[in-house]
């Protein structure tokens, strides 16, 4: 066996061990160690991506050499490796770019514990990407939830405590529903590994046992929908994302919700089977909820009174795109949804790294009237915010435009007039609403400040500017790559889908 096949498991094991190790280090040492670790994990995931592209097939790593149904499996293909590389890169940028904000927001004596949680989260992220076992997915869902709550309350203000409690309650509800669905699927199929489960599901469908199958899948979908912010379960986002320190906001908005959705996609595509899923009524419901989420999230963003809450509410709209793609039930729809996961991850992380930078030069305020002119005072942040805003609106050359184009093509390929009309209308309305709040904000940050004060009234440390600029530049480069060379990523996603079952 080629040694590269050990890398998926090693990404999980190294992250778990590092979580313990960081508790023994100082804050700065834990940060440096985490940066080195994340870089190593990116290289390992990149090696798996290159290996699977070259071999043209996925591979299964059987832990302990025990086959199903006793053993646990890790399955790696082009799609899993691509997700790992991109999401780990976003995580690394979040750690680097948010370091100085972490120093301002989190007590120094707790920095090592913070990075311990980051590494614990990384282990859960890698496990959800690589696992081929649905119950292992549940275990690491819980680990991710606990790590996420710790990342929220690391900034010890009243709002984060309230946000963490609300987040924990809703996530426990989602986890309970997910576990209920898993138990029902196990009772129906006798399997926990996804590929054998798909074979048993096909037999159940042939026998006409669609009702209990639909109910169990509904429990799983609702549970993961609650945890990822699917409409109408997105009301926890503003305080959770907006009140957290920058690195936590990047992790929670760009990575946590995407990991939950990717697990749902694996269950739908691999454990249930695409053909079975398309025939179930859940697909049409996801399409409807996705379209409603696109509109509702944008309306909430328009009505928000502060920059961080606006950016947080926009996540609900963007996640609506993903569920809409899953609801289309075609390969083109799945490709668009997976592309949107990557596009949203790089764009939203850039926004959440930039908003505290604009706040810092505006008297540490996120209120719209206070951030007026902040793009003049922090020219780098103004440029990066503008790039991310244009991507969210869907301006050509940016990732957001390519994602919307893929959704439009996927809708046309269905050949169903009502689907084409609904998706096109949703894309049009959502784009108009995005213009209303993102372009308005871009104009505001470049407008002349109401008070005729100096251009840089709030000094910013050079180290903050350097680390922020490097991370923001990398995320901007990824955004432009996804926008200008979308066909490269889309083809990799299609290749991954072909070996995903």
Protein backbone atom coordinates (compact mmCIF):
# COMPACT_ATOMS: atom_id res chain seq x y z
CA UNK A 1 0.00 0.00 0.00
CA UNK A 2 1.33 3.43 -0.97
CA UNK A 3 2.20 5.49 2.08
CA UNK A 4 0.04 8.39 0.88
CA UNK A 5 -3.04 6.29 1.71
CA UNK A 6 -2.23 6.76 5.39
CA UNK A 7 -2.50 10.54 5.14
CA UNK A 8 -6.29 10.90 5.69
CA UNK A 9 -6.11 9.05 9.00
CA UNK A 10 -2.94 10.92 9.97
CA UNK A 11 -4.67 14.28 9.52
CA UNK A 12 -7.20 13.22 12.17
CA UNK A 13 -4.72 11.62 14.57
CA UNK A 14 -2.20 14.48 14.40
CA UNK A 15 -4.94 17.03 15.08
CA UNK A 16 -6.23 15.10 18.10
CA UNK A 17 -2.73 14.71 19.55
CA UNK A 18 -1.99 18.38 18.87
CA UNK A 19 -5.11 19.42 20.75
CA UNK A 20 -3.64 17.87 23.91
CA UNK A 21 -0.13 19.13 23.21
CA UNK A 22 -1.25 22.76 22.87
CA UNK A 23 -2.48 22.77 26.47
CA UNK A 24 1.17 22.35 27.54
CA UNK A 25 2.50 25.24 25.43
CA UNK A 26 2.42 28.99 25.85
CA UNK A 27 -0.06 30.97 23.78
CA UNK A 28 2.39 32.11 21.11
CA UNK A 29 4.04 28.70 20.92
CA UNK A 30 0.63 27.06 20.53
CA UNK A 31 -0.18 29.49 17.73
CA UNK A 32 3.09 28.79 15.89
CA UNK A 33 2.63 25.05 16.36
CA UNK A 34 -0.93 25.25 14.99
CA UNK A 35 0.23 27.17 11.92
CA UNK A 36 2.93 24.56 11.23
CA UNK A 37 0.43 21.74 11.77
CA UNK A 38 -2.17 23.25 9.45
CA UNK A 39 0.48 23.74 6.77
CA UNK A 40 1.51 20.09 7.12
CA UNK A 41 -2.10 18.95 6.90
CA UNK A 42 -2.61 21.00 3.72
CA UNK A 43 0.43 19.31 2.16
CA UNK A 44 -0.86 15.87 3.17
CA UNK A 45 -4.33 16.56 1.79
CA UNK A 46 -2.73 17.96 -1.36
CA UNK A 47 -0.75 14.74 -1.77
CA UNK A 48 -3.99 12.74 -1.47
CA UNK A 49 -5.62 15.01 -4.06
CA UNK A 50 -2.74 14.52 -6.49
CA UNK A 51 -2.74 10.76 -5.87
CA UNK A 52 -6.47 10.34 -6.50
CA UNK A 53 -6.38 12.54 -9.61
CA UNK A 54 -3.48 10.53 -11.02
CA UNK A 55 -4.97 7.13 -10.14
CA UNK A 56 -8.49 8.09 -11.26
CA UNK A 57 -10.10 6.24 -8.36
CA UNK A 58 -10.86 6.60 -4.67
CA UNK A 59 -9.41 4.35 -2.00
CA UNK A 60 -10.61 2.95 1.31
CA UNK A 61 -8.49 2.78 4.44
CA UNK A 62 -9.77 0.06 6.78
CA UNK A 63 -8.70 0.85 10.32
CA UNK A 64 -7.29 -2.14 12.16
CA UNK A 65 -7.74 -4.21 9.00
CA UNK A 66 -11.21 -5.23 10.20
CA UNK A 67 -13.72 -5.30 7.30
CA UNK A 68 -17.36 -4.27 7.52
CA UNK A 69 -19.50 -4.58 9.53
CA UNK A 70 -16.98 -4.67 12.41
CA UNK A 71 -14.37 -2.23 11.17
CA UNK A 72 -14.38 1.50 10.58
CA UNK A 73 -13.43 2.97 7.24
CA UNK A 74 -11.94 6.12 5.81
CA UNK A 75 -12.67 6.78 2.17
CA UNK A 76 -10.70 9.28 0.10
CA UNK A 77 -11.30 10.50 -3.42
CA UNK A 78 -10.84 13.67 -5.44
CA UNK A 79 -13.85 15.38 -3.86
CA UNK A 80 -12.87 14.68 -0.25
CA UNK A 81 -9.26 15.70 -0.87
CA UNK A 82 -10.31 18.91 -2.65
CA UNK A 83 -12.57 19.84 0.27
CA UNK A 84 -9.79 19.10 2.75
CA UNK A 85 -7.23 21.25 0.91
CA UNK A 86 -9.54 24.23 0.47
CA UNK A 87 -11.08 24.22 3.95
CA UNK A 88 -7.72 23.72 5.67
CA UNK A 89 -6.34 26.67 3.70
CA UNK A 90 -9.24 28.82 4.88
CA UNK A 91 -8.58 27.66 8.46
CA UNK A 92 -4.89 28.55 8.20
CA UNK A 93 -5.75 32.02 6.88
CA UNK A 94 -8.24 32.47 9.71
CA UNK A 95 -5.64 31.56 12.34
CA UNK A 96 -2.98 33.82 10.83
CA UNK A 97 -5.19 36.75 9.92
CA UNK A 98 -7.11 36.74 13.18
CA UNK A 99 -4.13 36.41 15.55
CA UNK A 100 -3.87 40.04 16.58
CA UNK A 101 -7.62 40.28 17.04
CA UNK A 102 -7.36 37.21 19.26
CA UNK A 103 -4.81 39.05 21.40
CA UNK A 104 -7.28 41.89 21.82
CA UNK A 105 -10.35 39.72 22.48
CA UNK A 106 -9.10 36.73 24.48
CA UNK A 107 -7.21 36.69 27.77
CA UNK A 108 -3.56 35.84 27.15
CA UNK A 109 -3.49 33.00 29.66
CA UNK A 110 -6.17 31.20 27.60
CA UNK A 111 -4.51 31.44 24.19
CA UNK A 112 -3.07 27.93 24.41
CA UNK A 113 -6.51 26.55 25.31
CA UNK A 114 -7.95 28.41 22.34
CA UNK A 115 -5.56 26.72 19.92
CA UNK A 116 -6.24 23.42 21.63
CA UNK A 117 -9.87 23.91 20.62
CA UNK A 118 -8.81 24.89 17.09
CA UNK A 119 -6.91 21.62 16.72
CA UNK A 120 -9.80 19.64 18.20
CA UNK A 121 -12.07 21.29 15.65
CA UNK A 122 -9.57 20.41 12.89
CA UNK A 123 -9.70 16.75 13.90
CA UNK A 124 -13.50 16.80 13.69
CA UNK A 125 -13.40 18.59 10.34
CA UNK A 126 -11.03 16.02 8.87
CA UNK A 127 -13.07 13.14 10.27
CA UNK A 128 -16.31 14.44 8.73
CA UNK A 129 -14.59 14.85 5.37
CA UNK A 130 -12.89 11.45 5.27
CA UNK A 131 -15.17 9.08 7.22
CA UNK A 132 -17.19 6.38 5.50
CA UNK A 133 -19.06 5.48 8.71
CA UNK A 134 -22.28 7.29 9.52
CA UNK A 135 -21.99 6.78 13.29
CA UNK A 136 -18.41 8.08 13.30
CA UNK A 137 -19.91 11.12 11.63
CA UNK A 138 -22.24 11.54 14.60
CA UNK A 139 -19.38 11.23 17.11
CA UNK A 140 -17.34 13.94 15.43
CA UNK A 141 -20.42 16.11 14.97
CA UNK A 142 -20.59 16.27 18.76
CA UNK A 143 -16.88 16.95 19.06
CA UNK A 144 -17.21 19.78 16.56
CA UNK A 145 -20.17 21.22 18.45
CA UNK A 146 -18.27 21.26 21.75
CA UNK A 147 -15.19 22.81 20.15
CA UNK A 148 -17.35 25.43 18.42
CA UNK A 149 -19.00 26.48 21.70
CA UNK A 150 -15.55 26.91 23.25
CA UNK A 151 -14.44 29.05 20.31
CA UNK A 152 -17.51 31.28 20.79
CA UNK A 153 -17.10 31.90 24.53
CA UNK A 154 -13.33 32.46 24.21
CA UNK A 155 -14.22 36.13 23.86
CA UNK A 156 -15.72 36.60 27.29
CA UNK A 157 -18.48 39.13 26.83
CA UNK A 158 -22.12 38.73 27.70
CA UNK A 159 -23.27 38.40 24.11
CA UNK A 160 -20.94 35.49 23.34
CA UNK A 161 -22.09 33.62 26.44
CA UNK A 162 -25.71 34.00 25.37
CA UNK A 163 -24.80 33.05 21.79
CA UNK A 164 -22.94 29.94 22.97
CA UNK A 165 -25.89 28.79 25.11
CA UNK A 166 -28.32 29.29 22.23
CA UNK A 167 -25.92 27.60 19.83
CA UNK A 168 -25.45 24.63 22.17
CA UNK A 169 -29.19 24.13 22.70
CA UNK A 170 -30.01 24.22 19.00
CA UNK A 171 -27.05 22.04 18.07
CA UNK A 172 -27.99 19.46 20.68
CA UNK A 173 -31.48 19.41 19.22
CA UNK A 174 -29.99 18.92 15.77
CA UNK A 175 -27.65 16.20 17.04
CA UNK A 176 -30.55 14.39 18.70
CA UNK A 177 -32.57 14.37 15.49
CA UNK A 178 -29.52 13.24 13.53
CA UNK A 179 -28.88 10.37 15.96
CA UNK A 180 -32.54 9.35 15.79
CA UNK A 181 -32.27 9.16 12.01
CA UNK A 182 -29.04 7.16 12.21
CA UNK A 183 -30.59 4.65 14.62
CA UNK A 184 -33.60 4.21 12.34
CA UNK A 185 -31.37 3.72 9.29
CA UNK A 186 -29.33 1.14 11.18
CA UNK A 187 -32.48 -0.72 12.18
CA UNK A 188 -33.67 -0.67 8.57
CA UNK A 189 -30.41 -1.62 6.87
CA UNK A 190 -28.23 -3.31 9.51
CA UNK A 191 -25.23 -1.21 8.38
CA UNK A 192 -23.35 1.88 9.56
CA UNK A 193 -20.79 2.00 6.75
CA UNK A 194 -22.17 4.15 3.95
CA UNK A 195 -21.53 1.98 0.88
CA UNK A 196 -23.06 -1.25 2.30
CA UNK A 197 -25.94 0.87 3.63
CA UNK A 198 -26.67 2.11 0.10
CA UNK A 199 -27.06 -1.48 -1.12
CA UNK A 200 -29.51 -2.26 1.67
CA UNK A 201 -31.44 0.96 0.97
CA UNK A 202 -31.88 -0.07 -2.68
CA UNK A 203 -33.38 -3.37 -1.54
CA UNK A 204 -35.76 -1.53 0.81
CA UNK A 205 -36.95 0.67 -2.03
CA UNK A 206 -37.57 -2.37 -4.22
CA UNK A 207 -39.63 -3.87 -1.38
CA UNK A 208 -41.70 -0.69 -1.10
CA UNK A 209 -40.43 0.39 2.34
CA UNK A 210 -40.05 4.05 1.39
CA UNK A 211 -42.02 5.55 4.28
CA UNK A 212 -39.67 4.61 7.16
CA UNK A 213 -36.69 5.41 4.92
CA UNK A 214 -38.09 8.86 4.17
CA UNK A 215 -38.78 9.52 7.84
CA UNK A 216 -35.26 8.54 8.95
CA UNK A 217 -33.68 10.65 6.21
CA UNK A 218 -35.92 13.56 7.19
CA UNK A 219 -34.64 13.37 10.77
CA UNK A 220 -31.03 13.42 9.53
CA UNK A 221 -31.70 16.31 7.15
CA UNK A 222 -33.53 18.44 9.71
CA UNK A 223 -30.85 17.76 12.31
CA UNK A 224 -28.01 18.83 10.03
CA UNK A 225 -30.14 21.68 8.68
CA UNK A 226 -30.53 23.11 12.18
CA UNK A 227 -26.80 22.82 12.82
CA UNK A 228 -25.82 24.44 9.51
CA UNK A 229 -28.33 27.33 9.52
CA UNK A 230 -30.82 26.15 6.91
CA UNK A 231 -34.01 28.21 6.63
CA UNK A 232 -35.86 28.71 8.96
CA UNK A 233 -33.20 27.73 11.55
CA UNK A 234 -30.75 30.57 10.91
CA UNK A 235 -31.74 33.01 13.67
CA UNK A 236 -28.77 31.99 15.86
CA UNK A 237 -26.22 33.22 13.31
CA UNK A 238 -25.90 36.98 14.07
CA UNK A 239 -24.70 36.70 17.66
CA UNK A 240 -22.76 33.49 17.06
CA UNK A 241 -20.79 34.84 14.11
CA UNK A 242 -20.90 38.56 14.80
CA UNK A 243 -19.85 38.58 18.45
CA UNK A 244 -17.00 36.05 18.22
CA UNK A 245 -13.37 36.96 17.71
CA UNK A 246 -12.25 37.02 14.06
CA UNK A 247 -10.71 33.53 13.91
CA UNK A 248 -13.75 31.99 15.58
CA UNK A 249 -16.07 33.80 13.15
CA UNK A 250 -14.09 32.43 10.21
CA UNK A 251 -14.23 28.89 11.60
CA UNK A 252 -17.91 29.00 12.52
CA UNK A 253 -19.20 30.65 9.33
CA UNK A 254 -16.87 29.23 6.70
CA UNK A 255 -16.03 25.77 8.02
CA UNK A 256 -18.43 24.41 10.65
CA UNK A 257 -21.61 24.83 8.62
CA UNK A 258 -19.85 23.52 5.48
CA UNK A 259 -18.68 20.39 7.30
CA UNK A 260 -22.25 19.64 8.39
CA UNK A 261 -23.57 20.15 4.86
CA UNK A 262 -20.81 18.03 3.34
CA UNK A 263 -21.68 15.20 5.73
CA UNK A 264 -25.33 15.51 4.67
CA UNK A 265 -24.23 15.36 1.04
CA UNK A 266 -22.21 12.21 1.70
CA UNK A 267 -25.20 10.57 3.35
CA UNK A 268 -27.55 11.52 0.51
CA UNK A 269 -25.15 10.57 -2.25
CA UNK A 270 -23.27 7.63 -0.75
CA UNK A 271 -25.37 6.09 2.06
CA UNK A 272 -28.81 6.60 0.49
CA UNK A 273 -27.82 6.78 -3.15
CA UNK A 274 -28.46 9.62 -5.61
CA UNK A 275 -31.15 7.71 -7.52
CA UNK A 276 -33.11 6.90 -4.37
CA UNK A 277 -32.72 10.42 -2.97
CA UNK A 278 -34.01 12.03 -6.18
CA UNK A 279 -37.19 9.93 -5.96
CA UNK A 280 -37.94 10.98 -2.35
CA UNK A 281 -40.04 14.09 -1.48
CA UNK A 282 -37.22 15.47 0.68
CA UNK A 283 -35.47 16.70 -2.47
CA UNK A 284 -38.32 19.06 -3.40
CA UNK A 285 -38.54 20.31 0.19
CA UNK A 286 -34.83 21.13 0.21
CA UNK A 287 -35.27 23.04 -3.05
CA UNK A 288 -38.08 25.10 -1.55
CA UNK A 289 -36.25 25.78 1.73
CA UNK A 290 -33.13 26.75 -0.18
CA UNK A 291 -35.00 29.31 -2.27
CA UNK A 292 -36.77 30.73 0.80
CA UNK A 293 -33.48 30.90 2.69
CA UNK A 294 -31.87 32.91 -0.10
CA UNK A 295 -34.57 35.56 0.21
CA UNK A 296 -35.08 35.52 3.98
CA UNK A 297 -31.36 35.77 4.79
CA UNK A 298 -30.92 38.75 2.46
CA UNK A 299 -33.97 40.55 3.87
CA UNK A 300 -32.62 40.07 7.41
CA UNK A 301 -29.23 41.41 6.28
CA UNK A 302 -30.86 44.53 4.83
CA UNK A 303 -32.70 45.19 8.10
CA UNK A 304 -29.62 44.76 10.30
CA UNK A 305 -28.11 47.84 11.90
CA UNK A 306 -24.46 46.80 12.15
CA UNK A 307 -21.78 45.48 9.83
CA UNK A 308 -21.11 42.20 11.63
CA UNK A 309 -24.81 41.26 11.85
CA UNK A 310 -25.30 42.06 8.18
CA UNK A 311 -22.41 39.78 7.18
CA UNK A 312 -23.72 37.07 9.51
CA UNK A 313 -27.25 37.17 8.10
CA UNK A 314 -25.88 37.01 4.56
CA UNK A 315 -24.56 33.54 5.44
CA UNK A 316 -28.14 32.30 5.70
CA UNK A 317 -28.78 33.45 2.14
CA UNK A 318 -25.60 31.84 0.82
CA UNK A 319 -26.35 28.55 2.58
CA UNK A 320 -29.75 28.69 0.89
CA UNK A 321 -27.91 28.43 -2.44
CA UNK A 322 -26.30 25.17 -1.31
CA UNK A 323 -29.57 23.56 -0.26
CA UNK A 324 -31.19 24.73 -3.47
CA UNK A 325 -28.47 22.90 -5.41
CA UNK A 326 -29.05 19.74 -3.37
CA UNK A 327 -32.77 20.11 -4.06
CA UNK A 328 -32.24 20.13 -7.82
CA UNK A 329 -31.22 16.47 -7.53
CA UNK A 330 -28.99 16.39 -10.62
CA UNK A 331 -25.25 16.03 -11.06
CA UNK A 332 -25.10 19.64 -12.24
CA UNK A 333 -27.02 20.73 -9.12
CA UNK A 334 -24.70 18.77 -6.85
CA UNK A 335 -21.68 20.27 -8.63
CA UNK A 336 -23.05 23.79 -8.17
CA UNK A 337 -23.80 23.17 -4.48
CA UNK A 338 -20.30 21.82 -3.80
CA UNK A 339 -18.73 24.70 -5.72
CA UNK A 340 -20.80 27.11 -3.63
CA UNK A 341 -19.43 25.50 -0.45
CA UNK A 342 -15.90 26.44 -1.56
CA UNK A 343 -16.84 29.86 -2.94
CA UNK A 344 -18.70 30.82 0.23
CA UNK A 345 -15.92 29.52 2.47
CA UNK A 346 -13.22 31.71 0.91
CA UNK A 347 -15.48 34.77 0.56
CA UNK A 348 -17.12 34.69 3.97
CA UNK A 349 -13.79 34.13 5.74
CA UNK A 350 -12.43 37.21 3.96
CA UNK A 351 -15.42 39.23 5.16
CA UNK A 352 -15.11 38.11 8.78
CA UNK A 353 -11.39 38.86 8.83
CA UNK A 354 -12.06 42.32 7.36
CA UNK A 355 -15.02 43.55 9.42
CA UNK A 356 -13.07 43.77 12.73
CA UNK A 357 -10.31 45.60 10.87
CA UNK A 358 -12.83 48.21 9.69
CA UNK A 359 -14.25 48.35 13.20
CA UNK A 360 -10.82 48.88 14.74
CA UNK A 361 -10.29 52.10 12.76
CA UNK A 362 -13.82 53.27 13.62
CA UNK A 363 -13.63 53.50 17.37
CA UNK A 364 -14.09 49.73 17.78
CA UNK A 365 -17.69 49.98 16.57
CA UNK A 366 -19.61 47.91 14.02
CA UNK A 367 -22.53 50.36 13.71
CA UNK A 368 -23.03 51.59 10.16
CA UNK A 369 -22.91 55.26 11.11
CA UNK A 370 -19.55 54.74 12.84
CA UNK A 371 -17.84 52.74 10.08
CA UNK A 372 -18.54 55.45 7.50
CA UNK A 373 -15.20 56.32 5.92
CA UNK A 374 -13.44 53.29 7.41
CA UNK A 375 -12.29 52.26 3.93
CA UNK A 376 -10.37 55.53 3.76
CA UNK A 377 -8.74 54.99 7.13
CA UNK A 378 -7.86 51.34 6.49
CA UNK A 379 -7.30 51.24 2.74
CA UNK A 380 -6.26 47.56 2.69
CA UNK A 381 -9.41 46.47 4.51
CA UNK A 382 -11.53 48.63 2.22
CA UNK A 383 -10.13 46.89 -0.87
CA UNK A 384 -10.54 43.39 0.55
CA UNK A 385 -14.08 44.09 1.75
CA UNK A 386 -14.96 45.41 -1.70
CA UNK A 387 -13.60 42.27 -3.36
CA UNK A 388 -15.63 40.03 -1.05
CA UNK A 389 -18.75 42.18 -1.50
CA UNK A 390 -18.51 42.06 -5.29
CA UNK A 391 -18.15 38.30 -5.11
CA UNK A 392 -21.24 37.99 -2.92
CA UNK A 393 -23.21 40.14 -5.37
CA UNK A 394 -22.07 37.98 -8.28
CA UNK A 395 -19.85 40.26 -10.35
CA UNK A 396 -17.95 38.39 -13.11
CA UNK A 397 -14.36 37.22 -12.43
CA UNK A 398 -15.25 36.51 -8.80
CA UNK A 399 -16.24 33.17 -7.24
CA UNK A 400 -19.80 34.24 -6.50
CA UNK A 401 -20.56 34.83 -10.16
CA UNK A 402 -19.26 31.40 -11.18
CA UNK A 403 -21.37 29.74 -8.48
CA UNK A 404 -24.54 31.51 -9.66
CA UNK A 405 -23.76 30.61 -13.26
CA UNK A 406 -23.41 26.94 -12.31
CA UNK A 407 -26.79 27.06 -10.52
CA UNK A 408 -28.42 28.62 -13.58
CA UNK A 409 -26.97 25.97 -15.88
CA UNK A 410 -28.07 23.23 -13.47
CA UNK A 411 -31.62 24.58 -13.45
CA UNK A 412 -31.79 24.66 -17.26
CA UNK A 413 -30.46 21.10 -17.49
CA UNK A 414 -33.39 19.81 -15.41
CA UNK A 415 -35.70 20.57 -18.34
CA UNK A 416 -38.57 21.32 -15.97
CA UNK A 417 -40.10 24.78 -16.64
CA UNK A 418 -41.24 25.43 -13.07
CA UNK A 419 -37.81 24.55 -11.68
CA UNK A 420 -36.07 26.79 -14.22
CA UNK A 421 -38.46 29.66 -13.44
CA UNK A 422 -38.12 29.25 -9.66
CA UNK A 423 -34.31 29.04 -9.67
CA UNK A 424 -33.84 31.91 -12.11
CA UNK A 425 -36.23 34.10 -10.12
CA UNK A 426 -34.47 33.19 -6.88
CA UNK A 427 -31.04 33.97 -8.34
CA UNK A 428 -32.28 37.30 -9.70
CA UNK A 429 -34.02 38.40 -6.53
CA UNK A 430 -31.13 37.29 -4.34
CA UNK A 431 -28.62 39.17 -6.50
CA UNK A 432 -30.69 42.35 -6.33
CA UNK A 433 -30.98 42.05 -2.55
CA UNK A 434 -27.22 41.42 -2.29
CA UNK A 435 -26.64 44.65 -4.19
CA UNK A 436 -28.87 46.55 -1.79
CA UNK A 437 -26.86 45.73 1.30
CA UNK A 438 -23.35 44.92 0.09
CA UNK A 439 -22.91 47.72 -2.44
CA UNK A 440 -24.56 50.12 -0.01
CA UNK A 441 -22.00 49.13 2.58
CA UNK A 442 -19.10 49.55 0.12
CA UNK A 443 -20.35 53.07 -0.63
CA UNK A 444 -20.63 53.79 3.07
CA UNK A 445 -17.09 52.72 3.98
CA UNK A 446 -15.70 54.99 1.26
CA UNK A 447 -18.01 57.92 1.96
CA UNK A 448 -16.56 60.97 3.67
CA UNK A 449 -16.79 60.54 7.45
CA UNK A 450 -19.41 62.65 9.16
CA UNK A 451 -16.84 64.00 11.59
CA UNK A 452 -13.99 65.87 9.90
CA UNK A 453 -11.27 64.09 11.83
CA UNK A 454 -7.89 62.76 10.69
CA UNK A 455 -7.76 59.93 8.15
CA UNK A 456 -6.15 57.49 10.65
CA UNK A 457 -7.47 58.44 14.10
CA UNK A 458 -7.04 54.93 15.48
CA UNK A 459 -3.51 53.55 15.02
CA UNK A 460 -3.20 49.92 13.95
CA UNK A 461 -0.13 47.80 14.87
CA UNK A 462 2.11 46.94 11.91
CA UNK A 463 2.08 43.25 12.81
CA UNK A 464 -1.70 43.21 12.59
CA UNK A 465 -1.61 44.81 9.16
CA UNK A 466 1.03 42.37 7.85
CA UNK A 467 -0.61 39.15 9.05
CA UNK A 468 -4.03 40.37 8.01
CA UNK A 469 -2.87 41.42 4.55
CA UNK A 470 -1.14 38.12 3.79
CA UNK A 471 -4.15 36.05 4.85
CA UNK A 472 -6.62 38.34 3.07
CA UNK A 473 -4.48 38.28 -0.09
CA UNK A 474 -4.46 34.47 -0.11
CA UNK A 475 -8.24 34.35 0.30
CA UNK A 476 -8.64 36.95 -2.46
CA UNK A 477 -6.40 34.87 -4.73
CA UNK A 478 -8.53 31.78 -4.06
CA UNK A 479 -11.66 33.78 -4.81
CA UNK A 480 -10.28 34.99 -8.13
CA UNK A 481 -9.08 31.49 -9.00
CA UNK A 482 -12.56 30.07 -8.38
CA UNK A 483 -14.02 32.89 -10.45
CA UNK A 484 -11.61 32.96 -13.40
CA UNK A 485 -10.87 29.23 -13.56
CA UNK A 486 -14.13 27.81 -12.27
CA UNK A 487 -14.01 25.02 -14.84
CA UNK A 488 -10.92 23.57 -13.11
CA UNK A 489 -12.68 23.23 -9.78
CA UNK A 490 -15.96 22.15 -11.37
CA UNK A 491 -14.21 19.39 -13.31
CA UNK A 492 -12.49 18.18 -10.14
CA UNK A 493 -15.87 18.10 -8.38
CA UNK A 494 -17.39 16.10 -11.25
CA UNK A 495 -14.43 13.70 -11.20
CA UNK A 496 -14.92 13.32 -7.45
CA UNK A 497 -18.64 12.66 -7.88
CA UNK A 498 -17.91 9.91 -10.38
CA UNK A 499 -15.90 8.01 -7.73
CA UNK A 500 -18.06 9.06 -4.78
CA UNK A 501 -20.53 6.19 -4.63
